[in-house]
């Protein structure tokens, strides 16, 4: 909503899309991941030490950034994922890796 169309197009060109079925792990706490991701369709639950801390969704009434996770990972601030993310429904997820992020800067 607040980004130019040309940026949105480049963002999509640099993302890797993947489908996760309901119940699949999208990210595991403690794993090394140099990427962030966006839930384009579906809903996922985020847990830390087994406790739910957030839900990621593209649903109605949600802000566009509420479907993103892993910004610290992709920027290299944290070398290991701080949470586990599991698909609650079938999810279409766009992964953005650190190398691709450099192209967008």
PDB file of N, CA and C in Angstrom:
ATOM      1  N   UNK A   1       0.808  -1.196   0.000  1.00  0.00           N
ATOM      2  CA  UNK A   1       0.000   0.000   0.000  1.00  0.00           C
ATOM      3  C   UNK A   1       0.851   1.261   0.000  1.00  0.00           C
ATOM      4  N   UNK A   2       1.972   1.242   0.720  1.00  0.00           N
ATOM      5  CA  UNK A   2       2.804   2.433   0.816  1.00  0.00           C
ATOM      6  C   UNK A   2       4.070   2.342  -0.034  1.00  0.00           C
ATOM      7  N   UNK A   3       4.163   1.321  -0.877  1.00  0.00           N
ATOM      8  CA  UNK A   3       5.340   1.163  -1.736  1.00  0.00           C
ATOM      9  C   UNK A   3       4.948   1.383  -3.192  1.00  0.00           C
ATOM     10  N   UNK A   4       5.900   1.874  -3.959  1.00  0.00           N
ATOM     11  CA  UNK A   4       5.652   2.094  -5.384  1.00  0.00           C
ATOM     12  C   UNK A   4       5.488   0.760  -6.105  1.00  0.00           C
ATOM     13  N   UNK A   5       4.724   0.767  -7.172  1.00  0.00           N
ATOM     14  CA  UNK A   5       4.456  -0.435  -7.952  1.00  0.00           C
ATOM     15  C   UNK A   5       5.749  -1.076  -8.462  1.00  0.00           C
ATOM     16  N   UNK A   6       6.707  -0.255  -8.896  1.00  0.00           N
ATOM     17  CA  UNK A   6       7.974  -0.792  -9.420  1.00  0.00           C
ATOM     18  C   UNK A   6       8.729  -1.573  -8.341  1.00  0.00           C
ATOM     19  N   UNK A   7       8.682  -1.094  -7.086  1.00  0.00           N
ATOM     20  CA  UNK A   7       9.333  -1.813  -5.991  1.00  0.00           C
ATOM     21  C   UNK A   7       8.630  -3.138  -5.723  1.00  0.00           C
ATOM     22  N   UNK A   8       7.304  -3.141  -5.740  1.00  0.00           N
ATOM     23  CA  UNK A   8       6.543  -4.368  -5.506  1.00  0.00           C
ATOM     24  C   UNK A   8       6.863  -5.422  -6.561  1.00  0.00           C
ATOM     25  N   UNK A   9       6.998  -4.994  -7.801  1.00  0.00           N
ATOM     26  CA  UNK A   9       7.331  -5.921  -8.891  1.00  0.00           C
ATOM     27  C   UNK A   9       8.718  -6.518  -8.674  1.00  0.00           C
ATOM     28  N   UNK A  10       9.699  -5.688  -8.335  1.00  0.00           N
ATOM     29  CA  UNK A  10      11.058  -6.184  -8.077  1.00  0.00           C
ATOM     30  C   UNK A  10      11.097  -7.099  -6.859  1.00  0.00           C
ATOM     31  N   UNK A  11      10.315  -6.770  -5.847  1.00  0.00           N
ATOM     32  CA  UNK A  11      10.247  -7.613  -4.657  1.00  0.00           C
ATOM     33  C   UNK A  11       9.764  -9.008  -5.035  1.00  0.00           C
ATOM     34  N   UNK A  12       8.696  -9.087  -5.797  1.00  0.00           N
ATOM     35  CA  UNK A  12       8.166 -10.388  -6.214  1.00  0.00           C
ATOM     36  C   UNK A  12       9.142 -11.144  -7.111  1.00  0.00           C
ATOM     37  N   UNK A  13       9.837 -10.440  -7.980  1.00  0.00           N
ATOM     38  CA  UNK A  13      10.826 -11.087  -8.853  1.00  0.00           C
ATOM     39  C   UNK A  13      11.961 -11.721  -8.060  1.00  0.00           C
ATOM     40  N   UNK A  14      12.255 -11.149  -6.905  1.00  0.00           N
ATOM     41  CA  UNK A  14      13.384 -11.617  -6.100  1.00  0.00           C
ATOM     42  C   UNK A  14      12.985 -12.581  -4.992  1.00  0.00           C
ATOM     43  N   UNK A  15      11.723 -12.927  -4.915  1.00  0.00           N
ATOM     44  CA  UNK A  15      11.258 -13.861  -3.890  1.00  0.00           C
ATOM     45  C   UNK A  15      11.125 -15.262  -4.467  1.00  0.00           C
ATOM     46  N   UNK A  16      11.299 -16.246  -3.608  1.00  0.00           N
ATOM     47  CA  UNK A  16      11.095 -17.644  -3.977  1.00  0.00           C
ATOM     48  C   UNK A  16       9.770 -18.085  -3.345  1.00  0.00           C
ATOM     49  N   UNK A  17       8.788 -18.440  -4.179  1.00  0.00           N
ATOM     50  CA  UNK A  17       7.481 -18.863  -3.680  1.00  0.00           C
ATOM     51  C   UNK A  17       7.490 -20.349  -3.348  1.00  0.00           C
ATOM     52  N   UNK A  18       6.806 -20.687  -2.264  1.00  0.00           N
ATOM     53  CA  UNK A  18       6.717 -22.078  -1.849  1.00  0.00           C
ATOM     54  C   UNK A  18       5.358 -22.305  -1.193  1.00  0.00           C
ATOM     55  N   UNK A  19       4.792 -23.488  -1.407  1.00  0.00           N
ATOM     56  CA  UNK A  19       3.526 -23.875  -0.798  1.00  0.00           C
ATOM     57  C   UNK A  19       3.811 -24.785   0.391  1.00  0.00           C
ATOM     58  N   UNK A  20       3.224 -24.447   1.545  1.00  0.00           N
ATOM     59  CA  UNK A  20       3.336 -25.266   2.748  1.00  0.00           C
ATOM     60  C   UNK A  20       1.944 -25.762   3.120  1.00  0.00           C
ATOM     61  N   UNK A  21       1.765 -27.074   3.245  1.00  0.00           N
ATOM     62  CA  UNK A  21       0.455 -27.582   3.663  1.00  0.00           C
ATOM     63  C   UNK A  21       0.214 -27.300   5.145  1.00  0.00           C
ATOM     64  N   UNK A  22      -1.029 -27.317   5.546  1.00  0.00           N
ATOM     65  CA  UNK A  22      -1.393 -27.124   6.946  1.00  0.00           C
ATOM     66  C   UNK A  22      -0.587 -28.074   7.825  1.00  0.00           C
ATOM     67  N   UNK A  23       0.007 -27.528   8.888  1.00  0.00           N
ATOM     68  CA  UNK A  23       0.805 -28.331   9.817  1.00  0.00           C
ATOM     69  C   UNK A  23       2.294 -28.356   9.510  1.00  0.00           C
ATOM     70  N   UNK A  24       2.686 -27.871   8.343  1.00  0.00           N
ATOM     71  CA  UNK A  24       4.104 -27.884   7.956  1.00  0.00           C
ATOM     72  C   UNK A  24       4.875 -26.778   8.668  1.00  0.00           C
ATOM     73  N   UNK A  25       6.128 -27.087   8.984  1.00  0.00           N
ATOM     74  CA  UNK A  25       7.014 -26.109   9.603  1.00  0.00           C
ATOM     75  C   UNK A  25       7.613 -25.210   8.523  1.00  0.00           C
ATOM     76  N   UNK A  26       7.426 -23.923   8.661  1.00  0.00           N
ATOM     77  CA  UNK A  26       7.985 -22.946   7.721  1.00  0.00           C
ATOM     78  C   UNK A  26       9.371 -22.515   8.184  1.00  0.00           C
ATOM     79  N   UNK A  27       9.526 -22.360   9.476  1.00  0.00           N
ATOM     80  CA  UNK A  27      10.809 -21.968  10.082  1.00  0.00           C
ATOM     81  C   UNK A  27      10.914 -22.636  11.442  1.00  0.00           C
ATOM     82  N   UNK A  28      12.114 -23.115  11.792  1.00  0.00           N
ATOM     83  CA  UNK A  28      12.319 -23.781  13.084  1.00  0.00           C
ATOM     84  C   UNK A  28      13.212 -22.926  13.975  1.00  0.00           C
ATOM     85  N   UNK A  29      12.779 -22.756  15.202  1.00  0.00           N
ATOM     86  CA  UNK A  29      13.560 -22.012  16.195  1.00  0.00           C
ATOM     87  C   UNK A  29      14.951 -22.617  16.321  1.00  0.00           C
ATOM     88  N   UNK A  30      15.966 -21.754  16.276  1.00  0.00           N
ATOM     89  CA  UNK A  30      17.351 -22.200  16.414  1.00  0.00           C
ATOM     90  C   UNK A  30      18.058 -22.482  15.110  1.00  0.00           C
ATOM     91  N   UNK A  31      17.304 -22.634  14.013  1.00  0.00           N
ATOM     92  CA  UNK A  31      17.933 -22.878  12.711  1.00  0.00           C
ATOM     93  C   UNK A  31      18.573 -21.601  12.177  1.00  0.00           C
ATOM     94  N   UNK A  32      19.659 -21.772  11.434  1.00  0.00           N
ATOM     95  CA  UNK A  32      20.291 -20.633  10.765  1.00  0.00           C
ATOM     96  C   UNK A  32      19.540 -20.358   9.474  1.00  0.00           C
ATOM     97  N   UNK A  33      19.039 -19.151   9.323  1.00  0.00           N
ATOM     98  CA  UNK A  33      18.285 -18.762   8.133  1.00  0.00           C
ATOM     99  C   UNK A  33      18.625 -17.327   7.777  1.00  0.00           C
ATOM    100  N   UNK A  34      19.160 -17.120   6.610  1.00  0.00           N
ATOM    101  CA  UNK A  34      19.441 -15.757   6.146  1.00  0.00           C
ATOM    102  C   UNK A  34      18.328 -15.331   5.194  1.00  0.00           C
ATOM    103  N   UNK A  35      17.089 -15.384   5.705  1.00  0.00           N
ATOM    104  CA  UNK A  35      15.949 -15.001   4.874  1.00  0.00           C
ATOM    105  C   UNK A  35      14.803 -14.511   5.745  1.00  0.00           C
ATOM    106  N   UNK A  36      13.922 -13.784   5.106  1.00  0.00           N
ATOM    107  CA  UNK A  36      12.652 -13.426   5.722  1.00  0.00           C
ATOM    108  C   UNK A  36      11.568 -13.947   4.791  1.00  0.00           C
ATOM    109  N   UNK A  37      10.329 -13.896   5.228  1.00  0.00           N
ATOM    110  CA  UNK A  37       9.273 -14.390   4.361  1.00  0.00           C
ATOM    111  C   UNK A  37       7.955 -13.687   4.650  1.00  0.00           C
ATOM    112  N   UNK A  38       7.060 -13.810   3.689  1.00  0.00           N
ATOM    113  CA  UNK A  38       5.734 -13.224   3.776  1.00  0.00           C
ATOM    114  C   UNK A  38       4.701 -14.306   3.481  1.00  0.00           C
ATOM    115  N   UNK A  39       3.663 -14.359   4.300  1.00  0.00           N
ATOM    116  CA  UNK A  39       2.548 -15.268   4.045  1.00  0.00           C
ATOM    117  C   UNK A  39       1.618 -14.552   3.065  1.00  0.00           C
ATOM    118  N   UNK A  40       1.637 -14.978   1.805  1.00  0.00           N
ATOM    119  CA  UNK A  40       0.774 -14.354   0.802  1.00  0.00           C
ATOM    120  C   UNK A  40      -0.660 -14.847   0.917  1.00  0.00           C
ATOM    121  N   UNK A  41      -0.823 -16.110   1.255  1.00  0.00           N
ATOM    122  CA  UNK A  41      -2.145 -16.699   1.448  1.00  0.00           C
ATOM    123  C   UNK A  41      -2.057 -17.682   2.595  1.00  0.00           C
ATOM    124  N   UNK A  42      -3.038 -17.638   3.486  1.00  0.00           N
ATOM    125  CA  UNK A  42      -3.093 -18.578   4.584  1.00  0.00           C
ATOM    126  C   UNK A  42      -2.784 -17.936   5.923  1.00  0.00           C
ATOM    127  N   UNK A  43      -2.595 -18.791   6.927  1.00  0.00           N
ATOM    128  CA  UNK A  43      -2.305 -18.330   8.282  1.00  0.00           C
ATOM    129  C   UNK A  43      -1.277 -19.248   8.924  1.00  0.00           C
ATOM    130  N   UNK A  44      -0.358 -18.653   9.673  1.00  0.00           N
ATOM    131  CA  UNK A  44       0.679 -19.412  10.369  1.00  0.00           C
ATOM    132  C   UNK A  44       0.760 -18.934  11.811  1.00  0.00           C
ATOM    133  N   UNK A  45       1.201 -19.834  12.674  1.00  0.00           N
ATOM    134  CA  UNK A  45       1.361 -19.510  14.086  1.00  0.00           C
ATOM    135  C   UNK A  45       2.860 -19.433  14.396  1.00  0.00           C
ATOM    136  N   UNK A  46       3.237 -18.472  15.218  1.00  0.00           N
ATOM    137  CA  UNK A  46       4.632 -18.277  15.616  1.00  0.00           C
ATOM    138  C   UNK A  46       4.748 -18.625  17.095  1.00  0.00           C
ATOM    139  N   UNK A  47       5.696 -19.514  17.426  1.00  0.00           N
ATOM    140  CA  UNK A  47       5.923 -19.870  18.824  1.00  0.00           C
ATOM    141  C   UNK A  47       7.387 -19.663  19.192  1.00  0.00           C
ATOM    142  N   UNK A  48       7.609 -19.318  20.442  1.00  0.00           N
ATOM    143  CA  UNK A  48       8.960 -19.213  21.002  1.00  0.00           C
ATOM    144  C   UNK A  48       8.961 -20.024  22.283  1.00  0.00           C
ATOM    145  N   UNK A  49       9.861 -20.982  22.368  1.00  0.00           N
ATOM    146  CA  UNK A  49       9.938 -21.875  23.526  1.00  0.00           C
ATOM    147  C   UNK A  49       8.586 -22.538  23.788  1.00  0.00           C
ATOM    148  N   UNK A  50       7.871 -22.852  22.702  1.00  0.00           N
ATOM    149  CA  UNK A  50       6.599 -23.549  22.811  1.00  0.00           C
ATOM    150  C   UNK A  50       5.397 -22.685  23.135  1.00  0.00           C
ATOM    151  N   UNK A  51       5.586 -21.377  23.268  1.00  0.00           N
ATOM    152  CA  UNK A  51       4.499 -20.456  23.598  1.00  0.00           C
ATOM    153  C   UNK A  51       4.150 -19.619  22.373  1.00  0.00           C
ATOM    154  N   UNK A  52       2.852 -19.542  22.057  1.00  0.00           N
ATOM    155  CA  UNK A  52       2.423 -18.731  20.914  1.00  0.00           C
ATOM    156  C   UNK A  52       2.716 -17.257  21.184  1.00  0.00           C
ATOM    157  N   UNK A  53       3.390 -16.621  20.215  1.00  0.00           N
ATOM    158  CA  UNK A  53       3.720 -15.197  20.357  1.00  0.00           C
ATOM    159  C   UNK A  53       3.094 -14.344  19.257  1.00  0.00           C
ATOM    160  N   UNK A  54       2.668 -14.978  18.160  1.00  0.00           N
ATOM    161  CA  UNK A  54       2.070 -14.200  17.072  1.00  0.00           C
ATOM    162  C   UNK A  54       1.366 -15.119  16.091  1.00  0.00           C
ATOM    163  N   UNK A  55       0.542 -14.503  15.256  1.00  0.00           N
ATOM    164  CA  UNK A  55      -0.070 -15.183  14.110  1.00  0.00           C
ATOM    165  C   UNK A  55       0.200 -14.333  12.884  1.00  0.00           C
ATOM    166  N   UNK A  56       0.595 -14.996  11.826  1.00  0.00           N
ATOM    167  CA  UNK A  56       0.876 -14.315  10.561  1.00  0.00           C
ATOM    168  C   UNK A  56      -0.245 -14.660   9.595  1.00  0.00           C
ATOM    169  N   UNK A  57      -0.777 -13.635   8.928  1.00  0.00           N
ATOM    170  CA  UNK A  57      -1.915 -13.872   8.048  1.00  0.00           C
ATOM    171  C   UNK A  57      -2.061 -12.742   7.053  1.00  0.00           C
ATOM    172  N   UNK A  58      -2.655 -13.081   5.922  1.00  0.00           N
ATOM    173  CA  UNK A  58      -2.997 -12.078   4.926  1.00  0.00           C
ATOM    174  C   UNK A  58      -4.465 -11.681   5.065  1.00  0.00           C
ATOM    175  N   UNK A  59      -5.123 -12.103   6.123  1.00  0.00           N
ATOM    176  CA  UNK A  59      -6.569 -11.987   6.290  1.00  0.00           C
ATOM    177  C   UNK A  59      -7.112 -10.573   6.277  1.00  0.00           C
ATOM    178  N   UNK A  60      -8.432 -10.471   6.146  1.00  0.00           N
ATOM    179  CA  UNK A  60      -9.110  -9.170   6.124  1.00  0.00           C
ATOM    180  C   UNK A  60      -8.835  -8.382   7.400  1.00  0.00           C
ATOM    181  N   UNK A  61      -8.645  -7.092   7.232  1.00  0.00           N
ATOM    182  CA  UNK A  61      -8.403  -6.223   8.370  1.00  0.00           C
ATOM    183  C   UNK A  61      -6.983  -6.268   8.898  1.00  0.00           C
ATOM    184  N   UNK A  62      -6.113  -7.036   8.268  1.00  0.00           N
ATOM    185  CA  UNK A  62      -4.722  -7.140   8.704  1.00  0.00           C
ATOM    186  C   UNK A  62      -3.864  -6.157   7.918  1.00  0.00           C
ATOM    187  N   UNK A  63      -2.881  -5.595   8.548  1.00  0.00           N
ATOM    188  CA  UNK A  63      -1.915  -4.733   7.863  1.00  0.00           C
ATOM    189  C   UNK A  63      -0.966  -5.616   7.057  1.00  0.00           C
ATOM    190  N   UNK A  64      -0.452  -5.089   5.956  1.00  0.00           N
ATOM    191  CA  UNK A  64       0.389  -5.899   5.080  1.00  0.00           C
ATOM    192  C   UNK A  64       1.643  -6.426   5.786  1.00  0.00           C
ATOM    193  N   UNK A  65       2.200  -5.684   6.736  1.00  0.00           N
ATOM    194  CA  UNK A  65       3.409  -6.138   7.416  1.00  0.00           C
ATOM    195  C   UNK A  65       3.128  -7.232   8.437  1.00  0.00           C
ATOM    196  N   UNK A  66       1.856  -7.474   8.773  1.00  0.00           N
ATOM    197  CA  UNK A  66       1.544  -8.511   9.763  1.00  0.00           C
ATOM    198  C   UNK A  66       1.712  -9.920   9.213  1.00  0.00           C
ATOM    199  N   UNK A  67       2.043 -10.036   7.953  1.00  0.00           N
ATOM    200  CA  UNK A  67       2.263 -11.350   7.339  1.00  0.00           C
ATOM    201  C   UNK A  67       3.753 -11.640   7.118  1.00  0.00           C
ATOM    202  N   UNK A  68       4.644 -10.744   7.578  1.00  0.00           N
ATOM    203  CA  UNK A  68       6.091 -10.904   7.385  1.00  0.00           C
ATOM    204  C   UNK A  68       6.747 -11.451   8.644  1.00  0.00           C
ATOM    205  N   UNK A  69       7.828 -12.230   8.449  1.00  0.00           N
ATOM    206  CA  UNK A  69       8.610 -12.737   9.579  1.00  0.00           C
ATOM    207  C   UNK A  69      10.060 -12.918   9.134  1.00  0.00           C
ATOM    208  N   UNK A  70      11.014 -12.692  10.044  1.00  0.00           N
ATOM    209  CA  UNK A  70      12.420 -12.977   9.772  1.00  0.00           C
ATOM    210  C   UNK A  70      13.261 -11.786   9.382  1.00  0.00           C
ATOM    211  N   UNK A  71      12.805 -10.578   9.666  1.00  0.00           N
ATOM    212  CA  UNK A  71      13.588  -9.399   9.253  1.00  0.00           C
ATOM    213  C   UNK A  71      14.962  -9.368   9.919  1.00  0.00           C
ATOM    214  N   UNK A  72      15.068  -9.805  11.164  1.00  0.00           N
ATOM    215  CA  UNK A  72      16.380  -9.840  11.830  1.00  0.00           C
ATOM    216  C   UNK A  72      17.286 -10.886  11.207  1.00  0.00           C
ATOM    217  N   UNK A  73      16.686 -11.997  10.761  1.00  0.00           N
ATOM    218  CA  UNK A  73      17.460 -13.072  10.129  1.00  0.00           C
ATOM    219  C   UNK A  73      18.056 -12.607   8.805  1.00  0.00           C
ATOM    220  N   UNK A  74      17.236 -11.992   7.958  1.00  0.00           N
ATOM    221  CA  UNK A  74      17.692 -11.603   6.624  1.00  0.00           C
ATOM    222  C   UNK A  74      18.717 -10.470   6.690  1.00  0.00           C
ATOM    223  N   UNK A  75      18.627  -9.634   7.715  1.00  0.00           N
ATOM    224  CA  UNK A  75      19.574  -8.522   7.856  1.00  0.00           C
ATOM    225  C   UNK A  75      20.868  -8.951   8.539  1.00  0.00           C
ATOM    226  N   UNK A  76      20.925 -10.191   9.024  1.00  0.00           N
ATOM    227  CA  UNK A  76      22.133 -10.684   9.673  1.00  0.00           C
ATOM    228  C   UNK A  76      22.272 -10.252  11.118  1.00  0.00           C
ATOM    229  N   UNK A  77      21.218  -9.681  11.700  1.00  0.00           N
ATOM    230  CA  UNK A  77      21.256  -9.239  13.094  1.00  0.00           C
ATOM    231  C   UNK A  77      21.282 -10.438  14.032  1.00  0.00           C
ATOM    232  N   UNK A  78      20.560 -11.473  13.658  1.00  0.00           N
ATOM    233  CA  UNK A  78      20.496 -12.693  14.461  1.00  0.00           C
ATOM    234  C   UNK A  78      20.886 -13.863  13.573  1.00  0.00           C
ATOM    235  N   UNK A  79      21.824 -14.675  14.025  1.00  0.00           N
ATOM    236  CA  UNK A  79      22.293 -15.774  13.183  1.00  0.00           C
ATOM    237  C   UNK A  79      21.387 -17.003  13.247  1.00  0.00           C
ATOM    238  N   UNK A  80      20.511 -17.046  14.230  1.00  0.00           N
ATOM    239  CA  UNK A  80      19.588 -18.182  14.371  1.00  0.00           C
ATOM    240  C   UNK A  80      18.160 -17.671  14.548  1.00  0.00           C
ATOM    241  N   UNK A  81      17.225 -18.414  14.014  1.00  0.00           N
ATOM    242  CA  UNK A  81      15.821 -18.038  14.110  1.00  0.00           C
ATOM    243  C   UNK A  81      15.368 -18.034  15.566  1.00  0.00           C
ATOM    244  N   UNK A  82      14.661 -17.005  15.957  1.00  0.00           N
ATOM    245  CA  UNK A  82      14.227 -16.866  17.348  1.00  0.00           C
ATOM    246  C   UNK A  82      12.889 -17.551  17.622  1.00  0.00           C
ATOM    247  N   UNK A  83      12.262 -18.116  16.588  1.00  0.00           N
ATOM    248  CA  UNK A  83      10.942 -18.717  16.779  1.00  0.00           C
ATOM    249  C   UNK A  83      10.681 -19.795  15.734  1.00  0.00           C
ATOM    250  N   UNK A  84       9.672 -20.602  16.022  1.00  0.00           N
ATOM    251  CA  UNK A  84       9.184 -21.595  15.078  1.00  0.00           C
ATOM    252  C   UNK A  84       7.904 -21.062  14.453  1.00  0.00           C
ATOM    253  N   UNK A  85       7.765 -21.244  13.148  1.00  0.00           N
ATOM    254  CA  UNK A  85       6.564 -20.811  12.433  1.00  0.00           C
ATOM    255  C   UNK A  85       5.969 -22.036  11.743  1.00  0.00           C
ATOM    256  N   UNK A  86       4.688 -22.295  12.021  1.00  0.00           N
ATOM    257  CA  UNK A  86       3.998 -23.462  11.480  1.00  0.00           C
ATOM    258  C   UNK A  86       2.739 -23.009  10.750  1.00  0.00           C
ATOM    259  N   UNK A  87       2.516 -23.562   9.569  1.00  0.00           N
ATOM    260  CA  UNK A  87       1.317 -23.255   8.786  1.00  0.00           C
ATOM    261  C   UNK A  87       0.086 -23.809   9.499  1.00  0.00           C
ATOM    262  N   UNK A  88      -0.903 -22.969   9.761  1.00  0.00           N
ATOM    263  CA  UNK A  88      -2.159 -23.411  10.360  1.00  0.00           C
ATOM    264  C   UNK A  88      -3.157 -23.806   9.276  1.00  0.00           C
ATOM    265  N   UNK A  89      -2.995 -23.218   8.098  1.00  0.00           N
ATOM    266  CA  UNK A  89      -3.767 -23.564   6.913  1.00  0.00           C
ATOM    267  C   UNK A  89      -2.750 -23.757   5.795  1.00  0.00           C
ATOM    268  N   UNK A  90      -3.185 -24.202   4.632  1.00  0.00           N
ATOM    269  CA  UNK A  90      -2.268 -24.221   3.495  1.00  0.00           C
ATOM    270  C   UNK A  90      -1.786 -22.791   3.270  1.00  0.00           C
ATOM    271  N   UNK A  91      -0.480 -22.614   3.117  1.00  0.00           N
ATOM    272  CA  UNK A  91       0.095 -21.269   2.994  1.00  0.00           C
ATOM    273  C   UNK A  91       0.941 -21.135   1.731  1.00  0.00           C
ATOM    274  N   UNK A  92       0.765 -20.029   1.034  1.00  0.00           N
ATOM    275  CA  UNK A  92       1.666 -19.637  -0.041  1.00  0.00           C
ATOM    276  C   UNK A  92       2.614 -18.617   0.564  1.00  0.00           C
ATOM    277  N   UNK A  93       3.906 -18.952   0.566  1.00  0.00           N
ATOM    278  CA  UNK A  93       4.915 -18.146   1.251  1.00  0.00           C
ATOM    279  C   UNK A  93       5.961 -17.679   0.259  1.00  0.00           C
ATOM    280  N   UNK A  94       6.299 -16.405   0.338  1.00  0.00           N
ATOM    281  CA  UNK A  94       7.379 -15.842  -0.465  1.00  0.00           C
ATOM    282  C   UNK A  94       8.597 -15.627   0.404  1.00  0.00           C
ATOM    283  N   UNK A  95       9.700 -16.305   0.086  1.00  0.00           N
ATOM    284  CA  UNK A  95      10.952 -16.170   0.833  1.00  0.00           C
ATOM    285  C   UNK A  95      11.847 -15.146   0.140  1.00  0.00           C
ATOM    286  N   UNK A  96      12.438 -14.267   0.926  1.00  0.00           N
ATOM    287  CA  UNK A  96      13.396 -13.289   0.420  1.00  0.00           C
ATOM    288  C   UNK A  96      14.717 -13.538   1.134  1.00  0.00           C
ATOM    289  N   UNK A  97      15.733 -13.920   0.369  1.00  0.00           N
ATOM    290  CA  UNK A  97      17.041 -14.251   0.935  1.00  0.00           C
ATOM    291  C   UNK A  97      17.941 -13.018   0.951  1.00  0.00           C
ATOM    292  N   UNK A  98      18.952 -13.051   1.818  1.00  0.00           N
ATOM    293  CA  UNK A  98      19.840 -11.898   2.024  1.00  0.00           C
ATOM    294  C   UNK A  98      20.452 -11.404   0.712  1.00  0.00           C
ATOM    295  N   UNK A  99      20.898 -12.317  -0.149  1.00  0.00           N
ATOM    296  CA  UNK A  99      21.493 -11.907  -1.421  1.00  0.00           C
ATOM    297  C   UNK A  99      20.497 -11.148  -2.291  1.00  0.00           C
ATOM    298  N   UNK A 100      19.239 -11.588  -2.271  1.00  0.00           N
ATOM    299  CA  UNK A 100      18.212 -10.913  -3.057  1.00  0.00           C
ATOM    300  C   UNK A 100      17.841  -9.556  -2.478  1.00  0.00           C
ATOM    301  N   UNK A 101      17.956  -9.435  -1.166  1.00  0.00           N
ATOM    302  CA  UNK A 101      17.652  -8.170  -0.505  1.00  0.00           C
ATOM    303  C   UNK A 101      18.598  -7.073  -0.978  1.00  0.00           C
ATOM    304  N   UNK A 102      19.854  -7.432  -1.217  1.00  0.00           N
ATOM    305  CA  UNK A 102      20.845  -6.462  -1.690  1.00  0.00           C
ATOM    306  C   UNK A 102      20.429  -5.846  -3.014  1.00  0.00           C
ATOM    307  N   UNK A 103      19.772  -6.620  -3.869  1.00  0.00           N
ATOM    308  CA  UNK A 103      19.306  -6.142  -5.169  1.00  0.00           C
ATOM    309  C   UNK A 103      18.247  -5.059  -4.994  1.00  0.00           C
ATOM    310  N   UNK A 104      17.453  -5.157  -3.930  1.00  0.00           N
ATOM    311  CA  UNK A 104      16.343  -4.228  -3.710  1.00  0.00           C
ATOM    312  C   UNK A 104      16.771  -2.928  -3.054  1.00  0.00           C
ATOM    313  N   UNK A 105      17.960  -2.890  -2.490  1.00  0.00           N
ATOM    314  CA  UNK A 105      18.399  -1.674  -1.773  1.00  0.00           C
ATOM    315  C   UNK A 105      18.708  -0.542  -2.697  1.00  0.00           C
TER     316      UNK A 105
END
